Amino acid sequence: MLSTGLPQGTVPKLERPGPLRERVYEALLELITTRALRPGQHLVESELAGHLGVSRQPVREALQRLNTEGWVDLWPAQGAFVHEPTEEEADQLLTVRTLLETEAARLAAAGADAAGVAALEELCARGEAAVADGDVDLVVATNAAFHAKVMELGGNAVLAELAGQVDRRVRWYYTPVARQRGIQSWVEHRALIAAIAARDEARAVDVMRAHTEHTRRTYHDRAQP
């Protein structure tokens, strides 16, 4: 295994067509957000290029872009490293997430139809099964899909766009606590579905606020005994 340390089978396939630099950027971002590349990990251009089957130039360009966006730190004479988020960064992001998600829950309760509620129930069942199987990657992906569906049901395109901008960072912070949150997260999702199905906007807001705040507190408490 190369010193970059990517687990077998984690390197995404580079889809074609499309600009190579964009495909390399997306591949590296996916590896970071899923924590296949861990916070603080040294990123060696030549090794990443070998993993992805490309030259070093698009890797260098992707790392520079990821640095600009705060995913990668570039240190003179040391190289590139996956950014290690501070507690303050996480708190700010997860607080903003609460604001966006509670409004989405209110709008979903105001306008969701039976088909929308059924879609949420299907995603919830999928998430519960993933927890039972101990499949953390699927839990994280299904959690993201569930929240995206709530956002979609809210019907506010601007709100959905803003949520989309923070979605990958939310996944990044959620991954290390997904196992700890476990089935309780999906119990909370069930309560949210019930509020949306009942068209109870106030209840949907309260449930979503408590749900997202629980995740925020769990993240901050994760390293404590």
Protein backbone atom coordinates (compact mmCIF):
# COMPACT_ATOMS: atom_id res chain seq x y z
CA MET A 1 0.00 0.00 0.00
CA LEU A 2 1.30 3.46 -0.77
CA SER A 3 1.99 5.87 2.09
CA THR A 4 -1.11 7.86 1.12
CA GLY A 5 -2.91 4.94 2.73
CA LEU A 6 -6.12 4.64 0.76
CA PRO A 7 -8.08 1.52 1.74
CA GLN A 8 -8.58 -1.01 -1.02
CA GLY A 9 -11.61 -0.19 -3.14
CA THR A 10 -12.06 3.38 -1.91
CA VAL A 11 -10.64 5.19 -4.94
CA PRO A 12 -13.55 6.40 -7.09
CA LYS A 13 -13.53 5.82 -10.81
CA LEU A 14 -12.89 8.94 -12.86
CA GLU A 15 -15.91 9.36 -15.07
CA ARG A 16 -15.54 10.49 -18.66
CA PRO A 17 -16.15 12.81 -20.40
CA GLY A 18 -15.49 16.08 -18.57
CA PRO A 19 -12.44 18.22 -17.79
CA LEU A 20 -9.80 16.06 -16.13
CA ARG A 21 -9.04 18.62 -13.44
CA GLU A 22 -12.72 18.68 -12.45
CA ARG A 23 -12.92 14.88 -12.25
CA VAL A 24 -9.76 14.69 -10.15
CA TYR A 25 -11.10 17.44 -7.87
CA GLU A 26 -14.39 15.58 -7.36
CA ALA A 27 -12.58 12.31 -6.69
CA LEU A 28 -10.30 13.84 -4.06
CA LEU A 29 -13.17 15.73 -2.44
CA GLU A 30 -15.17 12.52 -2.16
CA LEU A 31 -12.20 10.77 -0.56
CA ILE A 32 -11.89 13.60 1.96
CA THR A 33 -15.57 13.90 2.85
CA THR A 34 -15.88 10.15 3.36
CA ARG A 35 -12.66 10.27 5.44
CA ALA A 36 -10.91 7.71 3.27
CA LEU A 37 -8.32 10.51 3.37
CA ARG A 38 -8.23 11.46 7.04
CA PRO A 39 -7.87 14.93 8.60
CA GLY A 40 -4.18 15.72 8.95
CA GLN A 41 -3.13 13.10 6.39
CA HIS A 42 -0.19 13.99 4.13
CA LEU A 43 -1.22 14.15 0.47
CA VAL A 44 1.59 13.21 -1.91
CA GLU A 45 0.92 14.34 -5.48
CA SER A 46 2.73 11.46 -7.15
CA GLU A 47 0.95 8.84 -5.05
CA LEU A 48 -2.49 10.36 -5.57
CA ALA A 49 -1.77 10.57 -9.30
CA GLY A 50 -0.86 6.89 -9.29
CA HIS A 51 -4.05 5.94 -7.43
CA LEU A 52 -6.20 7.93 -9.87
CA GLY A 53 -4.29 6.98 -13.01
CA VAL A 54 -3.51 10.55 -14.04
CA SER A 55 -0.49 12.83 -14.24
CA ARG A 56 0.56 15.04 -11.34
CA GLN A 57 -0.63 18.28 -12.97
CA PRO A 58 -4.41 17.80 -12.50
CA VAL A 59 -3.74 16.55 -8.96
CA ARG A 60 -1.74 19.70 -8.21
CA GLU A 61 -4.54 21.87 -9.63
CA ALA A 62 -7.16 19.98 -7.60
CA LEU A 63 -5.16 20.36 -4.39
CA GLN A 64 -4.83 24.10 -4.99
CA ARG A 65 -8.59 24.40 -5.45
CA LEU A 66 -9.26 22.28 -2.35
CA ASN A 67 -6.89 24.55 -0.44
CA THR A 68 -8.85 27.61 -1.55
CA GLU A 69 -12.08 25.96 -0.36
CA GLY A 70 -10.62 24.96 3.00
CA TRP A 71 -10.44 21.19 2.52
CA VAL A 72 -6.65 21.01 2.19
CA ASP A 73 -3.81 22.92 3.84
CA LEU A 74 -0.70 23.68 1.76
CA TRP A 75 2.41 24.22 3.87
CA PRO A 76 5.65 25.58 2.31
CA ALA A 77 8.42 22.98 2.23
CA GLN A 78 6.07 20.41 3.80
CA GLY A 79 3.38 19.75 1.21
CA ALA A 80 -0.36 19.25 1.26
CA PHE A 81 -2.38 17.91 4.17
CA VAL A 82 -6.09 17.22 4.65
CA HIS A 83 -7.45 20.08 6.75
CA GLU A 84 -8.07 19.32 10.41
CA PRO A 85 -11.26 21.18 11.37
CA THR A 86 -11.25 23.08 14.64
CA GLU A 87 -14.08 22.76 17.15
CA GLU A 88 -15.09 26.35 16.34
CA GLU A 89 -15.29 25.60 12.61
CA ALA A 90 -17.48 22.58 13.28
CA ASP A 91 -19.71 24.52 15.66
CA GLN A 92 -20.26 27.33 13.18
CA LEU A 93 -21.07 24.95 10.33
CA LEU A 94 -23.41 22.77 12.36
CA THR A 95 -25.17 25.84 13.80
CA VAL A 96 -25.85 27.13 10.29
CA ARG A 97 -27.04 23.66 9.35
CA THR A 98 -29.62 23.82 12.16
CA LEU A 99 -30.98 27.11 10.83
CA LEU A 100 -31.34 25.77 7.29
CA GLU A 101 -32.75 22.39 8.27
CA THR A 102 -35.39 23.71 10.67
CA GLU A 103 -36.82 26.01 8.01
CA ALA A 104 -36.80 23.13 5.53
CA ALA A 105 -38.70 20.98 8.04
CA ARG A 106 -41.31 23.71 8.52
CA LEU A 107 -41.80 24.09 4.77
CA ALA A 108 -41.96 20.32 4.28
CA ALA A 109 -44.68 20.04 6.94
CA ALA A 110 -46.59 22.81 5.20
CA GLY A 111 -46.49 21.26 1.75
CA ALA A 112 -45.40 17.62 1.65
CA ASP A 113 -47.81 15.16 0.03
CA ALA A 114 -48.29 11.45 0.66
CA ALA A 115 -45.65 10.53 -1.91
CA GLY A 116 -43.10 12.74 -0.19
CA VAL A 117 -43.85 11.23 3.20
CA ALA A 118 -43.54 7.74 1.71
CA ALA A 119 -40.14 8.64 0.27
CA LEU A 120 -38.96 9.76 3.71
CA GLU A 121 -40.24 6.54 5.26
CA GLU A 122 -38.36 4.49 2.67
CA LEU A 123 -35.11 6.34 3.36
CA CYS A 124 -35.62 5.97 7.09
CA ALA A 125 -36.10 2.21 6.75
CA ARG A 126 -32.94 2.05 4.65
CA GLY A 127 -31.01 3.97 7.30
CA GLU A 128 -32.29 1.76 10.11
CA ALA A 129 -31.18 -1.32 8.17
CA ALA A 130 -27.74 0.19 7.60
CA VAL A 131 -27.38 0.86 11.34
CA ALA A 132 -28.38 -2.73 12.09
CA ASP A 133 -25.77 -3.96 9.59
CA GLY A 134 -23.07 -1.69 11.02
CA ASP A 135 -22.52 -0.12 7.58
CA VAL A 136 -21.32 3.35 8.59
CA ASP A 137 -20.71 4.54 5.02
CA LEU A 138 -24.28 3.64 4.04
CA VAL A 139 -25.62 5.23 7.23
CA VAL A 140 -23.87 8.50 6.38
CA ALA A 141 -25.01 8.43 2.75
CA THR A 142 -28.60 7.61 3.68
CA ASN A 143 -28.66 10.28 6.36
CA ALA A 144 -27.56 12.83 3.77
CA ALA A 145 -30.23 11.58 1.35
CA PHE A 146 -32.91 11.84 4.04
CA HIS A 147 -32.05 15.44 4.86
CA ALA A 148 -31.81 16.31 1.17
CA LYS A 149 -35.30 14.88 0.67
CA VAL A 150 -36.69 17.02 3.49
CA MET A 151 -35.06 20.01 1.83
CA GLU A 152 -36.57 19.03 -1.52
CA LEU A 153 -40.03 18.68 -0.01
CA GLY A 154 -39.67 22.18 1.41
CA GLY A 155 -39.84 23.47 -2.15
CA ASN A 156 -37.54 26.48 -1.65
CA ALA A 157 -34.85 26.38 -4.33
CA VAL A 158 -32.67 29.05 -2.71
CA LEU A 159 -32.75 27.28 0.64
CA ALA A 160 -31.89 23.99 -1.08
CA GLU A 161 -28.96 25.62 -2.87
CA LEU A 162 -27.59 26.99 0.40
CA ALA A 163 -28.00 23.60 2.06
CA GLY A 164 -26.21 21.97 -0.86
CA GLN A 165 -23.21 24.22 -0.28
CA VAL A 166 -22.76 22.87 3.25
CA ASP A 167 -23.89 19.28 2.62
CA ARG A 168 -20.44 17.81 2.08
CA ARG A 169 -19.05 19.46 5.18
CA VAL A 170 -22.01 18.18 7.18
CA ARG A 171 -21.20 14.66 5.93
CA TRP A 172 -17.55 15.23 6.90
CA TYR A 173 -18.51 16.11 10.46
CA TYR A 174 -21.23 13.46 10.72
CA THR A 175 -19.06 10.51 9.67
CA PRO A 176 -17.03 10.25 12.92
CA VAL A 177 -20.19 10.31 15.07
CA ALA A 178 -22.50 8.22 12.89
CA ARG A 179 -21.87 5.06 14.87
CA GLN A 180 -22.32 6.87 18.17
CA ARG A 181 -25.58 8.47 17.02
CA GLY A 182 -26.69 5.02 15.92
CA ILE A 183 -30.37 4.14 15.93
CA GLN A 184 -31.32 7.21 17.98
CA SER A 185 -30.79 9.41 14.94
CA TRP A 186 -33.34 7.36 13.02
CA VAL A 187 -35.80 7.44 15.92
CA GLU A 188 -35.60 11.21 15.60
CA HIS A 189 -36.10 10.93 11.84
CA ARG A 190 -39.27 8.90 12.49
CA ALA A 191 -40.56 11.65 14.78
CA LEU A 192 -39.86 14.21 12.06
CA ILE A 193 -41.75 12.14 9.48
CA ALA A 194 -44.74 11.96 11.82
CA ALA A 195 -44.74 15.75 12.23
CA ILE A 196 -44.49 16.31 8.48
CA ALA A 197 -47.25 13.77 7.77
CA ALA A 198 -49.48 15.55 10.32
CA ARG A 199 -48.67 18.91 8.71
CA ASP A 200 -47.59 20.14 12.15
CA GLU A 201 -45.12 22.87 11.27
CA ALA A 202 -44.26 23.83 14.84
CA ARG A 203 -43.61 20.21 15.81
CA ALA A 204 -41.48 19.64 12.71
CA VAL A 205 -39.34 22.65 13.61
CA ASP A 206 -38.91 21.49 17.21
CA VAL A 207 -37.99 17.94 16.19
CA MET A 208 -35.49 19.06 13.55
CA ARG A 209 -33.89 21.61 15.86
CA ALA A 210 -33.43 19.00 18.59
CA HIS A 211 -32.17 16.47 16.04
CA THR A 212 -29.50 18.69 14.52
CA GLU A 213 -28.47 20.06 17.91
CA HIS A 214 -28.05 16.50 19.16
CA THR A 215 -25.65 15.80 16.29
CA ARG A 216 -23.74 19.00 17.02
CA ARG A 217 -23.34 18.13 20.70
CA THR A 218 -22.34 14.56 19.87
CA TYR A 219 -19.59 15.84 17.57
CA HIS A 220 -18.16 18.06 20.28
CA ASP A 221 -18.41 15.29 22.90
CA ARG A 222 -16.94 12.57 20.66
CA ALA A 223 -13.43 12.64 22.16
CA GLN A 224 -14.53 12.73 25.78
CA PRO A 225 -14.45 9.54 27.86
